[in-house]
Amino acid sequence: MQSSTRLTIATILSLALAPCLIAAQGDKPTKPEAEPQAAKPEPQPYLLTLSVKESNGGKPILEKSYTLSVIADDNRYHNQAVRDGDRIPYQGKDGQSYQEVGTSIDISDATRRGDTLIVSLRAESSSLVPTPNFTPGNLPQVSRWNLGVVAVLLSNKPTVIYSATDASSGHKVEIQATAQPLSGR
């Protein structure tokens, strides 16, 4: 009697567990599903226009515009640069000397987010500032500035990306940028 009871219990357990054992043996271990990766956007060329304006006490002393092409979302064209400068002669203690003045602009990491172009911009500049006590032959005052910003530009919308005024001299610098998408159509 005990052995038939044991046999009955063993048979019932076997039948109850059989579907679980069959499913476990036939299933392969599941891998966690990889997150779907967004498709990399196609590179997009832009015409980037930078306007640098400097004034002293509200009086304009320098206005320059630079236009260059950048390609968003393309690592092959990662860095763009502009170098613009002059050598200004002046009479120094040991005779004629020169002062280098100008602007350097470096643009990198151009990326799009919808209609927005995002660029990393580094710029530095030096310029001559006319002073009331300037003596001809001597070097006038030199204004220098240096900046690094991430510029967020809406397509075809001029945007002030930097503005600063020196409290002691009243010297003001303003940089405005416009990103215009270029199309091959």
C-alpha atoms as a PDB file:
ATOM      1  CA  MET A   1       0.000   0.000   0.000  1.00  0.00           C
ATOM      2  CA  GLN A   2       2.752   2.408   0.872  1.00  0.00           C
ATOM      3  CA  SER A   3       4.562   1.681  -2.328  1.00  0.00           C
ATOM      4  CA  SER A   4       1.455   2.242  -4.461  1.00  0.00           C
ATOM      5  CA  THR A   5       0.839   5.541  -2.635  1.00  0.00           C
ATOM      6  CA  ARG A   6       4.401   6.565  -3.278  1.00  0.00           C
ATOM      7  CA  LEU A   7       4.068   5.590  -6.921  1.00  0.00           C
ATOM      8  CA  THR A   8       0.848   7.579  -7.263  1.00  0.00           C
ATOM      9  CA  ILE A   9       2.397  10.691  -5.663  1.00  0.00           C
ATOM     10  CA  ALA A  10       5.480  10.363  -7.880  1.00  0.00           C
ATOM     11  CA  THR A  11       3.284  10.066 -10.971  1.00  0.00           C
ATOM     12  CA  ILE A  12       1.178  13.095 -10.013  1.00  0.00           C
ATOM     13  CA  LEU A  13       4.300  15.173  -9.333  1.00  0.00           C
ATOM     14  CA  SER A  14       5.875  14.075 -12.628  1.00  0.00           C
ATOM     15  CA  LEU A  15       2.781  15.066 -14.564  1.00  0.00           C
ATOM     16  CA  ALA A  16       2.511  18.384 -12.728  1.00  0.00           C
ATOM     17  CA  LEU A  17       6.182  19.316 -13.238  1.00  0.00           C
ATOM     18  CA  ALA A  18       6.574  17.987 -16.793  1.00  0.00           C
ATOM     19  CA  PRO A  19       5.433  21.180 -18.604  1.00  0.00           C
ATOM     20  CA  CYS A  20       7.817  23.294 -16.531  1.00  0.00           C
ATOM     21  CA  LEU A  21      10.778  21.012 -17.164  1.00  0.00           C
ATOM     22  CA  ILE A  22      10.079  20.804 -20.927  1.00  0.00           C
ATOM     23  CA  ALA A  23       9.811  24.605 -21.232  1.00  0.00           C
ATOM     24  CA  ALA A  24      13.009  25.140 -19.237  1.00  0.00           C
ATOM     25  CA  GLN A  25      14.993  22.694 -21.386  1.00  0.00           C
ATOM     26  CA  GLY A  26      13.742  24.104 -24.700  1.00  0.00           C
ATOM     27  CA  ASP A  27      14.209  27.794 -23.893  1.00  0.00           C
ATOM     28  CA  LYS A  28      17.470  29.517 -24.518  1.00  0.00           C
ATOM     29  CA  PRO A  29      18.575  32.105 -21.987  1.00  0.00           C
ATOM     30  CA  THR A  30      17.140  35.465 -22.873  1.00  0.00           C
ATOM     31  CA  LYS A  31      19.519  38.325 -23.468  1.00  0.00           C
ATOM     32  CA  PRO A  32      18.542  41.718 -22.205  1.00  0.00           C
ATOM     33  CA  GLU A  33      17.201  43.701 -25.124  1.00  0.00           C
ATOM     34  CA  ALA A  34      19.582  46.386 -26.334  1.00  0.00           C
ATOM     35  CA  GLU A  35      18.250  49.903 -26.321  1.00  0.00           C
ATOM     36  CA  PRO A  36      17.392  50.975 -29.856  1.00  0.00           C
ATOM     37  CA  GLN A  37      20.058  53.365 -31.075  1.00  0.00           C
ATOM     38  CA  ALA A  38      18.911  56.526 -32.757  1.00  0.00           C
ATOM     39  CA  ALA A  39      20.012  56.814 -36.336  1.00  0.00           C
ATOM     40  CA  LYS A  40      22.984  59.137 -36.710  1.00  0.00           C
ATOM     41  CA  PRO A  41      21.819  62.301 -38.469  1.00  0.00           C
ATOM     42  CA  GLU A  42      23.168  63.083 -41.914  1.00  0.00           C
ATOM     43  CA  PRO A  43      25.883  65.787 -41.890  1.00  0.00           C
ATOM     44  CA  GLN A  44      24.483  69.255 -42.589  1.00  0.00           C
ATOM     45  CA  PRO A  45      26.556  72.209 -43.857  1.00  0.00           C
ATOM     46  CA  TYR A  46      25.903  75.650 -42.397  1.00  0.00           C
ATOM     47  CA  LEU A  47      27.108  79.111 -43.270  1.00  0.00           C
ATOM     48  CA  LEU A  48      28.117  80.651 -39.951  1.00  0.00           C
ATOM     49  CA  THR A  49      28.433  84.438 -39.772  1.00  0.00           C
ATOM     50  CA  LEU A  50      30.096  86.033 -36.746  1.00  0.00           C
ATOM     51  CA  SER A  51      29.989  89.766 -36.144  1.00  0.00           C
ATOM     52  CA  VAL A  52      32.437  91.256 -33.634  1.00  0.00           C
ATOM     53  CA  LYS A  53      31.700  94.803 -32.449  1.00  0.00           C
ATOM     54  CA  GLU A  54      33.806  96.814 -30.029  1.00  0.00           C
ATOM     55  CA  SER A  55      33.080 100.263 -28.681  1.00  0.00           C
ATOM     56  CA  ASN A  56      34.695 102.591 -26.201  1.00  0.00           C
ATOM     57  CA  GLY A  57      32.327 104.671 -24.098  1.00  0.00           C
ATOM     58  CA  GLY A  58      29.543 104.067 -26.637  1.00  0.00           C
ATOM     59  CA  LYS A  59      31.713 105.164 -29.581  1.00  0.00           C
ATOM     60  CA  PRO A  60      32.300 102.328 -32.119  1.00  0.00           C
ATOM     61  CA  ILE A  61      35.983 101.507 -32.604  1.00  0.00           C
ATOM     62  CA  LEU A  62      35.880  98.149 -34.393  1.00  0.00           C
ATOM     63  CA  GLU A  63      33.352  96.145 -36.358  1.00  0.00           C
ATOM     64  CA  LYS A  64      34.332  93.013 -38.261  1.00  0.00           C
ATOM     65  CA  SER A  65      32.333  90.171 -39.731  1.00  0.00           C
ATOM     66  CA  TYR A  66      33.591  86.674 -40.443  1.00  0.00           C
ATOM     67  CA  THR A  67      31.756  84.077 -42.528  1.00  0.00           C
ATOM     68  CA  LEU A  68      32.798  80.445 -42.689  1.00  0.00           C
ATOM     69  CA  SER A  69      31.308  77.045 -43.384  1.00  0.00           C
ATOM     70  CA  VAL A  70      30.819  74.443 -40.684  1.00  0.00           C
ATOM     71  CA  ILE A  71      29.444  70.938 -41.070  1.00  0.00           C
ATOM     72  CA  ALA A  72      27.237  69.688 -38.260  1.00  0.00           C
ATOM     73  CA  ASP A  73      27.265  66.056 -37.168  1.00  0.00           C
ATOM     74  CA  ASP A  74      30.418  65.102 -39.085  1.00  0.00           C
ATOM     75  CA  ASN A  75      33.631  64.217 -37.240  1.00  0.00           C
ATOM     76  CA  ARG A  76      35.763  64.644 -40.367  1.00  0.00           C
ATOM     77  CA  TYR A  77      35.312  68.415 -40.185  1.00  0.00           C
ATOM     78  CA  HIS A  78      35.601  68.730 -36.428  1.00  0.00           C
ATOM     79  CA  ASN A  79      37.516  72.036 -36.190  1.00  0.00           C
ATOM     80  CA  GLN A  80      37.257  75.300 -38.126  1.00  0.00           C
ATOM     81  CA  ALA A  81      39.464  78.337 -37.521  1.00  0.00           C
ATOM     82  CA  VAL A  82      39.797  81.989 -38.543  1.00  0.00           C
ATOM     83  CA  ARG A  83      42.953  84.060 -38.002  1.00  0.00           C
ATOM     84  CA  ASP A  84      42.875  87.771 -38.799  1.00  0.00           C
ATOM     85  CA  GLY A  85      45.490  90.262 -37.692  1.00  0.00           C
ATOM     86  CA  ASP A  86      47.787  93.201 -38.313  1.00  0.00           C
ATOM     87  CA  ARG A  87      51.221  94.355 -37.204  1.00  0.00           C
ATOM     88  CA  ILE A  88      51.085  97.958 -35.996  1.00  0.00           C
ATOM     89  CA  PRO A  89      54.412  99.840 -36.046  1.00  0.00           C
ATOM     90  CA  TYR A  90      55.291 102.147 -33.149  1.00  0.00           C
ATOM     91  CA  GLN A  91      58.368 103.899 -31.829  1.00  0.00           C
ATOM     92  CA  GLY A  92      59.716 102.040 -28.807  1.00  0.00           C
ATOM     93  CA  LYS A  93      62.701 102.679 -26.513  1.00  0.00           C
ATOM     94  CA  ASP A  94      65.034 100.775 -28.846  1.00  0.00           C
ATOM     95  CA  GLY A  95      63.631 102.070 -32.131  1.00  0.00           C
ATOM     96  CA  GLN A  96      60.727 100.897 -34.211  1.00  0.00           C
ATOM     97  CA  SER A  97      58.752  97.938 -32.834  1.00  0.00           C
ATOM     98  CA  TYR A  98      55.531  96.214 -33.792  1.00  0.00           C
ATOM     99  CA  GLN A  99      52.399  95.296 -31.877  1.00  0.00           C
ATOM    100  CA  GLU A 100      50.392  92.343 -33.165  1.00  0.00           C
ATOM    101  CA  VAL A 101      46.630  92.886 -33.014  1.00  0.00           C
ATOM    102  CA  GLY A 102      43.802  90.787 -34.403  1.00  0.00           C
ATOM    103  CA  THR A 103      41.213  88.130 -33.877  1.00  0.00           C
ATOM    104  CA  SER A 104      41.403  84.336 -33.644  1.00  0.00           C
ATOM    105  CA  ILE A 105      38.242  82.223 -33.751  1.00  0.00           C
ATOM    106  CA  ASP A 106      38.052  78.443 -33.321  1.00  0.00           C
ATOM    107  CA  ILE A 107      34.824  76.519 -33.817  1.00  0.00           C
ATOM    108  CA  SER A 108      34.383  72.827 -33.024  1.00  0.00           C
ATOM    109  CA  ASP A 109      31.779  70.186 -32.217  1.00  0.00           C
ATOM    110  CA  ALA A 110      29.014  71.468 -34.513  1.00  0.00           C
ATOM    111  CA  THR A 111      25.882  69.486 -33.647  1.00  0.00           C
ATOM    112  CA  ARG A 112      22.232  69.813 -34.627  1.00  0.00           C
ATOM    113  CA  ARG A 113      19.193  69.419 -32.412  1.00  0.00           C
ATOM    114  CA  GLY A 114      16.162  70.008 -34.625  1.00  0.00           C
ATOM    115  CA  ASP A 115      16.443  73.548 -36.053  1.00  0.00           C
ATOM    116  CA  THR A 116      19.183  74.453 -33.565  1.00  0.00           C
ATOM    117  CA  LEU A 117      22.922  74.422 -34.271  1.00  0.00           C
ATOM    118  CA  ILE A 118      25.179  74.043 -31.234  1.00  0.00           C
ATOM    119  CA  VAL A 119      28.882  74.900 -31.562  1.00  0.00           C
ATOM    120  CA  SER A 120      31.791  75.243 -29.199  1.00  0.00           C
ATOM    121  CA  LEU A 121      33.411  78.620 -29.879  1.00  0.00           C
ATOM    122  CA  ARG A 122      36.725  79.971 -28.605  1.00  0.00           C
ATOM    123  CA  ALA A 123      37.781  83.481 -29.562  1.00  0.00           C
ATOM    124  CA  GLU A 124      40.424  85.972 -28.599  1.00  0.00           C
ATOM    125  CA  SER A 125      41.143  89.448 -29.835  1.00  0.00           C
ATOM    126  CA  SER A 126      43.381  92.414 -29.319  1.00  0.00           C
ATOM    127  CA  SER A 127      42.764  95.840 -30.786  1.00  0.00           C
ATOM    128  CA  LEU A 128      44.098  99.360 -30.492  1.00  0.00           C
ATOM    129  CA  VAL A 129      41.959 101.689 -28.415  1.00  0.00           C
ATOM    130  CA  PRO A 130      42.310 105.404 -29.195  1.00  0.00           C
ATOM    131  CA  THR A 131      43.131 107.329 -26.028  1.00  0.00           C
ATOM    132  CA  PRO A 132      42.882 111.087 -25.420  1.00  0.00           C
ATOM    133  CA  ASN A 133      46.519 111.342 -24.262  1.00  0.00           C
ATOM    134  CA  PHE A 134      47.955 109.450 -27.242  1.00  0.00           C
ATOM    135  CA  THR A 135      51.365 110.696 -28.391  1.00  0.00           C
ATOM    136  CA  PRO A 136      52.174 109.906 -32.052  1.00  0.00           C
ATOM    137  CA  GLY A 137      54.949 107.351 -32.314  1.00  0.00           C
ATOM    138  CA  ASN A 138      53.970 105.643 -29.078  1.00  0.00           C
ATOM    139  CA  LEU A 139      51.742 102.612 -28.866  1.00  0.00           C
ATOM    140  CA  PRO A 140      48.153 103.452 -27.887  1.00  0.00           C
ATOM    141  CA  GLN A 141      46.221 101.378 -25.381  1.00  0.00           C
ATOM    142  CA  VAL A 142      45.596  97.764 -26.420  1.00  0.00           C
ATOM    143  CA  SER A 143      42.340  96.054 -25.493  1.00  0.00           C
ATOM    144  CA  ARG A 144      42.384  92.245 -25.158  1.00  0.00           C
ATOM    145  CA  TRP A 145      39.664  89.723 -24.541  1.00  0.00           C
ATOM    146  CA  ASN A 146      39.436  85.945 -24.599  1.00  0.00           C
ATOM    147  CA  LEU A 147      36.369  83.713 -24.330  1.00  0.00           C
ATOM    148  CA  GLY A 148      35.111  80.170 -24.655  1.00  0.00           C
ATOM    149  CA  VAL A 149      31.363  79.563 -25.002  1.00  0.00           C
ATOM    150  CA  VAL A 150      28.893  76.997 -26.235  1.00  0.00           C
ATOM    151  CA  ALA A 151      26.696  78.866 -28.708  1.00  0.00           C
ATOM    152  CA  VAL A 152      23.119  77.704 -29.261  1.00  0.00           C
ATOM    153  CA  LEU A 153      21.899  79.163 -32.558  1.00  0.00           C
ATOM    154  CA  LEU A 154      18.431  78.949 -34.089  1.00  0.00           C
ATOM    155  CA  SER A 155      18.607  78.658 -37.875  1.00  0.00           C
ATOM    156  CA  ASN A 156      18.631  82.035 -39.644  1.00  0.00           C
ATOM    157  CA  LYS A 157      18.199  83.996 -36.368  1.00  0.00           C
ATOM    158  CA  PRO A 158      20.962  86.434 -35.342  1.00  0.00           C
ATOM    159  CA  THR A 159      21.903  85.651 -31.733  1.00  0.00           C
ATOM    160  CA  VAL A 160      24.146  87.583 -29.336  1.00  0.00           C
ATOM    161  CA  ILE A 161      26.454  84.892 -27.952  1.00  0.00           C
ATOM    162  CA  TYR A 162      28.721  87.162 -25.905  1.00  0.00           C
ATOM    163  CA  SER A 163      28.580  90.687 -24.552  1.00  0.00           C
ATOM    164  CA  ALA A 164      30.776  92.323 -21.918  1.00  0.00           C
ATOM    165  CA  THR A 165      31.624  95.846 -20.795  1.00  0.00           C
ATOM    166  CA  ASP A 166      34.775  96.779 -18.892  1.00  0.00           C
ATOM    167  CA  ALA A 167      33.551  98.814 -15.901  1.00  0.00           C
ATOM    168  CA  SER A 168      36.720 100.917 -15.626  1.00  0.00           C
ATOM    169  CA  SER A 169      37.258 101.834 -19.281  1.00  0.00           C
ATOM    170  CA  GLY A 170      33.737 101.499 -20.726  1.00  0.00           C
ATOM    171  CA  HIS A 171      35.168  99.237 -23.447  1.00  0.00           C
ATOM    172  CA  LYS A 172      32.375  96.946 -24.744  1.00  0.00           C
ATOM    173  CA  VAL A 173      32.642  93.751 -26.805  1.00  0.00           C
ATOM    174  CA  GLU A 174      29.647  92.071 -28.453  1.00  0.00           C
ATOM    175  CA  ILE A 175      29.657  88.953 -30.630  1.00  0.00           C
ATOM    176  CA  GLN A 176      26.624  88.008 -32.668  1.00  0.00           C
ATOM    177  CA  ALA A 177      26.272  84.795 -34.689  1.00  0.00           C
ATOM    178  CA  THR A 178      23.871  83.572 -37.370  1.00  0.00           C
ATOM    179  CA  ALA A 179      23.720  79.963 -38.615  1.00  0.00           C
ATOM    180  CA  GLN A 180      22.212  79.496 -42.056  1.00  0.00           C
ATOM    181  CA  PRO A 181      21.628  75.894 -43.193  1.00  0.00           C
ATOM    182  CA  LEU A 182      22.938  75.236 -46.704  1.00  0.00           C
ATOM    183  CA  SER A 183      21.065  72.874 -48.949  1.00  0.00           C
ATOM    184  CA  GLY A 184      22.096  71.160 -52.141  1.00  0.00           C
ATOM    185  CA  ARG A 185      18.575  71.264 -53.551  1.00  0.00           C
END
